[in-house]
N, C-alpha and C. Protein backbone atom coordinates (compact mmCIF):
# COMPACT_ATOMS: atom_id res chain seq x y z
N UNK A 1 -5.41 35.05 0.50
CA UNK A 1 -4.87 33.72 0.52
C UNK A 1 -3.79 33.61 1.58
N UNK A 2 -4.14 33.10 2.71
CA UNK A 2 -3.13 32.79 3.71
C UNK A 2 -3.52 31.53 4.44
N UNK A 3 -2.60 30.97 5.17
CA UNK A 3 -2.83 29.70 5.84
C UNK A 3 -3.44 29.82 7.21
N UNK A 4 -3.81 31.02 7.65
CA UNK A 4 -4.35 31.20 9.00
C UNK A 4 -5.58 30.33 9.25
N UNK A 5 -6.43 30.17 8.25
CA UNK A 5 -7.64 29.36 8.43
C UNK A 5 -7.28 27.92 8.79
N UNK A 6 -6.21 27.40 8.19
CA UNK A 6 -5.79 26.03 8.50
C UNK A 6 -5.15 25.96 9.88
N UNK A 7 -4.30 26.92 10.21
CA UNK A 7 -3.73 26.96 11.57
C UNK A 7 -4.83 27.02 12.62
N UNK A 8 -5.87 27.82 12.36
CA UNK A 8 -7.00 27.92 13.29
C UNK A 8 -7.74 26.59 13.40
N UNK A 9 -7.96 25.91 12.27
CA UNK A 9 -8.64 24.63 12.25
C UNK A 9 -7.86 23.60 13.07
N UNK A 10 -6.55 23.54 12.86
CA UNK A 10 -5.70 22.62 13.62
C UNK A 10 -5.84 22.90 15.11
N UNK A 11 -5.79 24.18 15.48
CA UNK A 11 -5.89 24.56 16.88
C UNK A 11 -7.22 24.18 17.52
N UNK A 12 -8.27 24.14 16.74
CA UNK A 12 -9.60 23.81 17.27
C UNK A 12 -9.92 22.32 17.27
N UNK A 13 -9.47 21.60 16.23
CA UNK A 13 -10.00 20.25 16.01
C UNK A 13 -9.01 19.10 15.95
N UNK A 14 -7.71 19.35 15.89
CA UNK A 14 -6.77 18.27 15.63
C UNK A 14 -5.70 18.15 16.72
N UNK A 15 -6.03 17.49 17.83
CA UNK A 15 -5.06 17.40 18.93
C UNK A 15 -3.76 16.70 18.56
N UNK A 16 -3.79 15.72 17.68
CA UNK A 16 -2.54 15.06 17.26
C UNK A 16 -1.65 16.06 16.54
N UNK A 17 -2.21 16.81 15.62
CA UNK A 17 -1.45 17.82 14.90
C UNK A 17 -0.96 18.92 15.84
N UNK A 18 -1.76 19.26 16.85
CA UNK A 18 -1.33 20.25 17.85
C UNK A 18 -0.12 19.74 18.60
N UNK A 19 -0.17 18.47 19.02
CA UNK A 19 0.95 17.87 19.76
C UNK A 19 2.23 17.88 18.91
N UNK A 20 2.06 17.64 17.61
CA UNK A 20 3.21 17.63 16.70
C UNK A 20 3.68 19.05 16.37
N UNK A 21 2.93 20.07 16.82
CA UNK A 21 3.23 21.48 16.55
C UNK A 21 3.20 21.76 15.03
N UNK A 22 2.26 21.11 14.35
CA UNK A 22 2.08 21.27 12.92
C UNK A 22 1.57 22.68 12.62
N UNK A 23 2.20 23.34 11.65
CA UNK A 23 1.77 24.69 11.30
C UNK A 23 2.02 24.95 9.82
N UNK A 24 1.33 25.95 9.31
CA UNK A 24 1.49 26.37 7.93
C UNK A 24 2.79 27.15 7.81
N UNK A 25 3.62 26.72 6.89
CA UNK A 25 4.87 27.43 6.59
C UNK A 25 4.66 28.39 5.42
N UNK A 26 3.88 27.94 4.41
CA UNK A 26 3.64 28.77 3.23
C UNK A 26 2.38 28.29 2.51
N UNK A 27 1.58 29.24 2.06
CA UNK A 27 0.42 28.93 1.23
C UNK A 27 0.23 30.07 0.25
N UNK A 28 0.10 29.73 -1.04
CA UNK A 28 -0.07 30.76 -2.06
C UNK A 28 -1.26 30.50 -2.98
N UNK A 29 -2.12 29.55 -2.62
CA UNK A 29 -3.27 29.22 -3.45
C UNK A 29 -2.99 28.10 -4.44
N UNK A 30 -1.73 27.82 -4.70
CA UNK A 30 -1.36 26.76 -5.63
C UNK A 30 -0.68 25.61 -4.91
N UNK A 31 0.01 25.91 -3.83
CA UNK A 31 0.76 24.92 -3.06
C UNK A 31 0.73 25.30 -1.58
N UNK A 32 0.90 24.28 -0.76
CA UNK A 32 0.91 24.47 0.70
C UNK A 32 2.12 23.75 1.28
N UNK A 33 2.84 24.42 2.15
CA UNK A 33 3.92 23.79 2.90
C UNK A 33 3.53 23.77 4.36
N UNK A 34 3.65 22.58 4.97
CA UNK A 34 3.41 22.42 6.39
C UNK A 34 4.72 22.05 7.07
N UNK A 35 4.86 22.50 8.31
CA UNK A 35 6.09 22.28 9.08
C UNK A 35 5.74 21.64 10.42
N UNK A 36 6.53 20.65 10.81
CA UNK A 36 6.44 20.07 12.15
C UNK A 36 7.87 19.87 12.65
N UNK A 37 8.20 20.41 13.82
CA UNK A 37 9.55 20.22 14.35
C UNK A 37 9.81 18.74 14.66
N UNK A 38 11.04 18.35 14.57
CA UNK A 38 11.41 16.95 14.80
C UNK A 38 11.12 16.52 16.24
N UNK A 39 11.34 17.39 17.21
CA UNK A 39 11.25 17.03 18.63
C UNK A 39 10.05 16.18 19.03
N UNK A 40 8.81 16.61 18.78
CA UNK A 40 7.66 15.82 19.20
C UNK A 40 7.46 14.53 18.40
N UNK A 41 8.21 14.36 17.30
CA UNK A 41 8.02 13.22 16.41
C UNK A 41 9.26 12.34 16.28
N UNK A 42 10.23 12.56 17.16
CA UNK A 42 11.50 11.82 17.04
C UNK A 42 11.31 10.36 17.46
N UNK A 43 12.05 9.48 16.79
CA UNK A 43 11.98 8.06 17.15
C UNK A 43 13.31 7.62 17.77
N UNK A 44 13.42 6.32 18.00
CA UNK A 44 14.62 5.78 18.64
C UNK A 44 15.87 5.85 17.75
N UNK A 45 15.70 6.12 16.48
CA UNK A 45 16.82 6.25 15.54
C UNK A 45 17.23 7.71 15.36
N UNK A 46 16.57 8.60 16.12
CA UNK A 46 16.81 10.04 16.06
C UNK A 46 16.41 10.63 14.71
N UNK A 47 15.41 10.01 14.10
CA UNK A 47 14.81 10.53 12.87
C UNK A 47 13.31 10.65 13.11
N UNK A 48 12.61 11.19 12.13
CA UNK A 48 11.16 11.38 12.28
C UNK A 48 10.43 10.04 12.24
N UNK A 49 9.49 9.86 13.15
CA UNK A 49 8.63 8.68 13.25
C UNK A 49 7.76 8.58 12.00
N UNK A 50 7.64 7.38 11.45
CA UNK A 50 6.87 7.18 10.21
C UNK A 50 5.44 7.65 10.30
N UNK A 51 4.79 7.45 11.44
CA UNK A 51 3.41 7.89 11.60
C UNK A 51 3.29 9.41 11.56
N UNK A 52 4.27 10.09 12.12
CA UNK A 52 4.27 11.56 12.08
C UNK A 52 4.52 12.05 10.66
N UNK A 53 5.43 11.39 9.96
CA UNK A 53 5.70 11.74 8.57
C UNK A 53 4.42 11.61 7.77
N UNK A 54 3.71 10.49 7.96
CA UNK A 54 2.45 10.27 7.25
C UNK A 54 1.46 11.39 7.56
N UNK A 55 1.35 11.75 8.83
CA UNK A 55 0.41 12.79 9.24
C UNK A 55 0.71 14.11 8.53
N UNK A 56 1.96 14.51 8.48
CA UNK A 56 2.31 15.78 7.84
C UNK A 56 2.07 15.71 6.33
N UNK A 57 2.42 14.58 5.72
CA UNK A 57 2.23 14.42 4.27
C UNK A 57 0.74 14.43 3.92
N UNK A 58 -0.08 13.69 4.66
CA UNK A 58 -1.52 13.65 4.38
C UNK A 58 -2.15 15.01 4.63
N UNK A 59 -1.69 15.71 5.66
CA UNK A 59 -2.25 17.02 6.00
C UNK A 59 -1.86 18.10 4.99
N UNK A 60 -0.71 17.94 4.31
CA UNK A 60 -0.34 18.93 3.29
C UNK A 60 -1.39 18.94 2.18
N UNK A 61 -1.88 17.77 1.81
CA UNK A 61 -2.91 17.69 0.76
C UNK A 61 -4.30 17.99 1.33
N UNK A 62 -4.60 17.48 2.53
CA UNK A 62 -5.89 17.79 3.16
C UNK A 62 -6.00 19.30 3.37
N UNK A 63 -4.91 19.89 3.88
CA UNK A 63 -4.90 21.34 4.11
C UNK A 63 -5.04 22.13 2.83
N UNK A 64 -4.42 21.64 1.75
CA UNK A 64 -4.57 22.32 0.46
C UNK A 64 -6.03 22.30 0.03
N UNK A 65 -6.67 21.14 0.17
CA UNK A 65 -8.09 21.03 -0.17
C UNK A 65 -8.92 21.97 0.70
N UNK A 66 -8.64 21.97 1.99
CA UNK A 66 -9.37 22.83 2.93
C UNK A 66 -9.22 24.30 2.56
N UNK A 67 -7.99 24.73 2.34
CA UNK A 67 -7.76 26.15 2.06
C UNK A 67 -8.34 26.57 0.72
N UNK A 68 -8.26 25.70 -0.28
CA UNK A 68 -8.89 26.05 -1.57
C UNK A 68 -10.41 26.18 -1.40
N UNK A 69 -11.01 25.31 -0.57
CA UNK A 69 -12.45 25.41 -0.31
C UNK A 69 -12.78 26.70 0.44
N UNK A 70 -11.98 27.05 1.44
CA UNK A 70 -12.19 28.31 2.17
C UNK A 70 -12.07 29.49 1.21
N UNK A 71 -11.05 29.46 0.35
CA UNK A 71 -10.88 30.54 -0.64
C UNK A 71 -12.10 30.61 -1.57
N UNK A 72 -12.73 29.47 -1.83
CA UNK A 72 -13.90 29.39 -2.70
C UNK A 72 -15.17 29.87 -1.98
N UNK A 73 -15.09 29.96 -0.64
CA UNK A 73 -16.23 30.43 0.14
C UNK A 73 -16.97 29.34 0.89
N UNK A 74 -16.34 28.16 1.02
CA UNK A 74 -16.98 27.03 1.70
C UNK A 74 -16.33 26.76 3.05
N UNK A 75 -17.10 26.23 4.00
CA UNK A 75 -16.58 25.66 5.24
C UNK A 75 -16.76 24.15 5.07
N UNK A 76 -15.76 23.48 4.47
CA UNK A 76 -15.96 22.13 3.97
C UNK A 76 -15.83 21.04 5.02
N UNK A 77 -16.48 19.92 4.73
CA UNK A 77 -16.29 18.68 5.46
C UNK A 77 -15.53 17.76 4.51
N UNK A 78 -14.24 17.53 4.78
CA UNK A 78 -13.34 16.82 3.87
C UNK A 78 -12.88 15.52 4.52
N UNK A 79 -12.81 14.47 3.70
CA UNK A 79 -12.25 13.20 4.16
C UNK A 79 -11.19 12.73 3.17
N UNK A 80 -10.30 11.89 3.66
CA UNK A 80 -9.32 11.22 2.81
C UNK A 80 -9.95 9.89 2.40
N UNK A 81 -10.19 9.71 1.10
CA UNK A 81 -10.86 8.51 0.61
C UNK A 81 -9.87 7.38 0.32
N UNK A 82 -8.68 7.72 -0.15
CA UNK A 82 -7.63 6.75 -0.45
C UNK A 82 -6.29 7.43 -0.21
N UNK A 83 -5.27 6.63 0.15
CA UNK A 83 -3.95 7.22 0.36
C UNK A 83 -2.86 6.16 0.21
N UNK A 84 -1.71 6.63 -0.28
CA UNK A 84 -0.52 5.75 -0.33
C UNK A 84 0.71 6.62 -0.09
N UNK A 85 1.74 5.98 0.47
CA UNK A 85 2.96 6.72 0.80
C UNK A 85 4.16 5.85 0.50
N UNK A 86 5.23 6.49 0.05
CA UNK A 86 6.52 5.84 -0.15
C UNK A 86 7.53 6.52 0.75
N UNK A 87 8.16 5.74 1.63
CA UNK A 87 9.23 6.25 2.48
C UNK A 87 10.54 5.90 1.81
N UNK A 88 11.23 6.88 1.25
CA UNK A 88 12.43 6.64 0.46
C UNK A 88 13.73 6.87 1.24
N UNK A 89 13.70 7.80 2.19
CA UNK A 89 14.89 8.13 2.98
C UNK A 89 14.44 8.54 4.38
N UNK A 90 15.27 8.32 5.38
CA UNK A 90 14.93 8.82 6.72
C UNK A 90 14.95 10.34 6.76
N UNK A 91 14.21 10.90 7.70
CA UNK A 91 14.14 12.36 7.86
C UNK A 91 14.77 12.70 9.21
N UNK A 92 16.00 13.21 9.19
CA UNK A 92 16.72 13.48 10.44
C UNK A 92 16.51 14.88 10.99
N UNK A 93 15.56 15.61 10.43
CA UNK A 93 15.36 17.02 10.78
C UNK A 93 13.87 17.30 10.87
N UNK A 94 13.50 18.56 10.98
CA UNK A 94 12.09 18.93 10.97
C UNK A 94 11.41 18.37 9.73
N UNK A 95 10.12 18.10 9.85
CA UNK A 95 9.33 17.55 8.75
C UNK A 95 8.67 18.72 8.03
N UNK A 96 8.96 18.87 6.73
CA UNK A 96 8.33 19.90 5.91
C UNK A 96 7.74 19.21 4.69
N UNK A 97 6.43 19.18 4.62
CA UNK A 97 5.73 18.56 3.49
C UNK A 97 5.15 19.66 2.62
N UNK A 98 5.25 19.45 1.31
CA UNK A 98 4.70 20.41 0.36
C UNK A 98 3.74 19.70 -0.58
N UNK A 99 2.53 20.26 -0.70
CA UNK A 99 1.59 19.73 -1.68
C UNK A 99 2.08 20.13 -3.06
N UNK A 100 2.02 19.19 -3.98
CA UNK A 100 2.43 19.48 -5.35
C UNK A 100 1.30 20.21 -6.06
N UNK A 101 1.65 21.06 -6.97
CA UNK A 101 0.67 21.90 -7.66
C UNK A 101 -0.21 21.03 -8.57
N UNK A 102 -1.51 21.11 -8.37
CA UNK A 102 -2.48 20.43 -9.22
C UNK A 102 -2.88 21.36 -10.35
N UNK A 103 -3.25 20.78 -11.48
CA UNK A 103 -3.74 21.60 -12.60
C UNK A 103 -4.96 22.38 -12.14
N UNK A 104 -5.01 23.63 -12.55
CA UNK A 104 -6.16 24.47 -12.19
C UNK A 104 -7.46 23.87 -12.74
N UNK A 105 -7.37 23.17 -13.87
CA UNK A 105 -8.57 22.52 -14.42
C UNK A 105 -9.10 21.43 -13.49
N UNK A 106 -8.21 20.77 -12.73
CA UNK A 106 -8.66 19.77 -11.74
C UNK A 106 -9.47 20.45 -10.63
N UNK A 107 -9.00 21.62 -10.19
CA UNK A 107 -9.73 22.36 -9.16
C UNK A 107 -11.08 22.85 -9.71
N UNK A 108 -11.09 23.30 -10.95
CA UNK A 108 -12.35 23.76 -11.56
C UNK A 108 -13.36 22.62 -11.63
N UNK A 109 -12.90 21.42 -12.04
CA UNK A 109 -13.79 20.25 -12.07
C UNK A 109 -14.28 19.89 -10.66
N UNK A 110 -13.37 19.95 -9.70
CA UNK A 110 -13.70 19.64 -8.31
C UNK A 110 -14.85 20.54 -7.82
N UNK A 111 -14.71 21.84 -8.03
CA UNK A 111 -15.75 22.76 -7.57
C UNK A 111 -17.02 22.66 -8.40
N UNK A 112 -16.90 22.38 -9.69
CA UNK A 112 -18.09 22.19 -10.53
C UNK A 112 -18.87 20.96 -10.06
N UNK A 113 -18.16 19.87 -9.76
CA UNK A 113 -18.84 18.66 -9.24
C UNK A 113 -19.51 18.95 -7.90
N UNK A 114 -18.81 19.72 -7.06
CA UNK A 114 -19.43 20.07 -5.78
C UNK A 114 -20.72 20.87 -6.01
N UNK A 115 -20.67 21.84 -6.91
CA UNK A 115 -21.86 22.67 -7.18
C UNK A 115 -23.01 21.82 -7.73
N UNK A 116 -22.69 20.82 -8.54
CA UNK A 116 -23.72 19.96 -9.15
C UNK A 116 -24.26 18.93 -8.17
N UNK A 117 -23.38 18.33 -7.36
CA UNK A 117 -23.76 17.15 -6.57
C UNK A 117 -23.66 17.33 -5.05
N UNK A 118 -23.02 18.40 -4.62
CA UNK A 118 -22.80 18.57 -3.19
C UNK A 118 -21.66 17.72 -2.66
N UNK A 119 -20.94 17.06 -3.56
CA UNK A 119 -19.78 16.22 -3.24
C UNK A 119 -18.80 16.33 -4.39
N UNK A 120 -17.52 16.09 -4.08
CA UNK A 120 -16.51 16.11 -5.13
C UNK A 120 -15.24 15.42 -4.62
N UNK A 121 -14.41 14.96 -5.57
CA UNK A 121 -13.14 14.31 -5.22
C UNK A 121 -12.01 14.91 -6.05
N UNK A 122 -10.82 14.91 -5.46
CA UNK A 122 -9.63 15.38 -6.18
C UNK A 122 -8.43 14.57 -5.71
N UNK A 123 -7.56 14.21 -6.67
CA UNK A 123 -6.30 13.53 -6.36
C UNK A 123 -5.22 14.58 -6.14
N UNK A 124 -4.49 14.44 -5.04
CA UNK A 124 -3.40 15.38 -4.73
C UNK A 124 -2.18 14.60 -4.26
N UNK A 125 -1.02 15.20 -4.41
CA UNK A 125 0.24 14.59 -4.00
C UNK A 125 1.03 15.58 -3.15
N UNK A 126 1.87 15.03 -2.29
CA UNK A 126 2.80 15.86 -1.54
C UNK A 126 4.15 15.15 -1.48
N UNK A 127 5.16 15.94 -1.15
CA UNK A 127 6.52 15.40 -1.00
C UNK A 127 7.17 16.01 0.23
N UNK A 128 8.09 15.25 0.77
CA UNK A 128 8.98 15.73 1.83
C UNK A 128 10.39 15.52 1.30
N UNK A 129 11.19 16.56 1.35
CA UNK A 129 12.56 16.48 0.84
C UNK A 129 13.56 16.60 1.98
N UNK A 130 14.71 15.96 1.78
CA UNK A 130 15.85 16.07 2.68
C UNK A 130 17.04 16.44 1.82
N UNK A 131 17.67 17.56 2.12
CA UNK A 131 18.81 18.05 1.34
C UNK A 131 18.50 18.11 -0.15
N UNK A 132 17.29 18.56 -0.48
CA UNK A 132 16.90 18.73 -1.87
C UNK A 132 16.45 17.46 -2.58
N UNK A 133 16.53 16.32 -1.91
CA UNK A 133 16.13 15.05 -2.52
C UNK A 133 14.82 14.57 -1.90
N UNK A 134 13.97 13.98 -2.73
CA UNK A 134 12.68 13.48 -2.24
C UNK A 134 12.92 12.32 -1.28
N UNK A 135 12.42 12.48 -0.06
CA UNK A 135 12.52 11.44 0.97
C UNK A 135 11.19 10.70 1.13
N UNK A 136 10.08 11.38 0.82
CA UNK A 136 8.75 10.80 0.97
C UNK A 136 7.87 11.30 -0.18
N UNK A 137 7.11 10.36 -0.76
CA UNK A 137 6.08 10.70 -1.76
C UNK A 137 4.75 10.22 -1.22
N UNK A 138 3.76 11.10 -1.30
CA UNK A 138 2.41 10.77 -0.82
C UNK A 138 1.40 11.07 -1.92
N UNK A 139 0.41 10.20 -2.07
CA UNK A 139 -0.70 10.41 -3.00
C UNK A 139 -1.99 10.15 -2.24
N UNK A 140 -2.97 11.02 -2.45
CA UNK A 140 -4.25 10.83 -1.77
C UNK A 140 -5.42 11.30 -2.61
N UNK A 141 -6.56 10.69 -2.35
CA UNK A 141 -7.82 11.09 -2.96
C UNK A 141 -8.63 11.75 -1.86
N UNK A 142 -8.98 13.01 -2.05
CA UNK A 142 -9.68 13.81 -1.05
C UNK A 142 -11.09 14.08 -1.53
N UNK A 143 -12.03 13.94 -0.62
CA UNK A 143 -13.44 14.15 -0.98
C UNK A 143 -14.06 15.20 -0.07
N UNK A 144 -14.75 16.14 -0.70
CA UNK A 144 -15.60 17.05 0.07
C UNK A 144 -16.98 16.38 0.09
N UNK A 145 -17.44 16.10 1.29
CA UNK A 145 -18.69 15.36 1.46
C UNK A 145 -19.82 16.25 1.93
N UNK A 146 -19.55 17.52 2.05
CA UNK A 146 -20.58 18.48 2.47
C UNK A 146 -19.92 19.71 3.05
N UNK A 147 -20.74 20.57 3.60
CA UNK A 147 -20.26 21.77 4.25
C UNK A 147 -20.89 21.84 5.63
N UNK A 148 -20.23 22.61 6.49
CA UNK A 148 -20.72 22.75 7.86
C UNK A 148 -21.66 23.90 7.96
């Protein structure tokens, strides 16, 4: 269980994430932390640009889905089916998004549905904190629509 597969995927397929210097900070099979330095995403207020914040938050959950699928033995084709975000505070520093831990039973259902139907969906959330306080909350519905 490591995040190298996601770093490799970003390097091959996601030029926006590459430009943002998005990388895996931590992955343990239950949660994923992604990091993007402020520099490439800074706005005129000297805080992180909202679109960059969204990208890191959505990718924390997308990446969690991707890495769990890789750990399961799949090379998945994943899409974001629904998403919402709350911007609660500005982010004046590097952007670090963490996927919140989903119940293991949700992952078991996700993979069981994939095995039965070749498709599956899971709801995931991520947060970005500033000085220990939640600055951003993200919720998304992720779907595996097949494998490569």
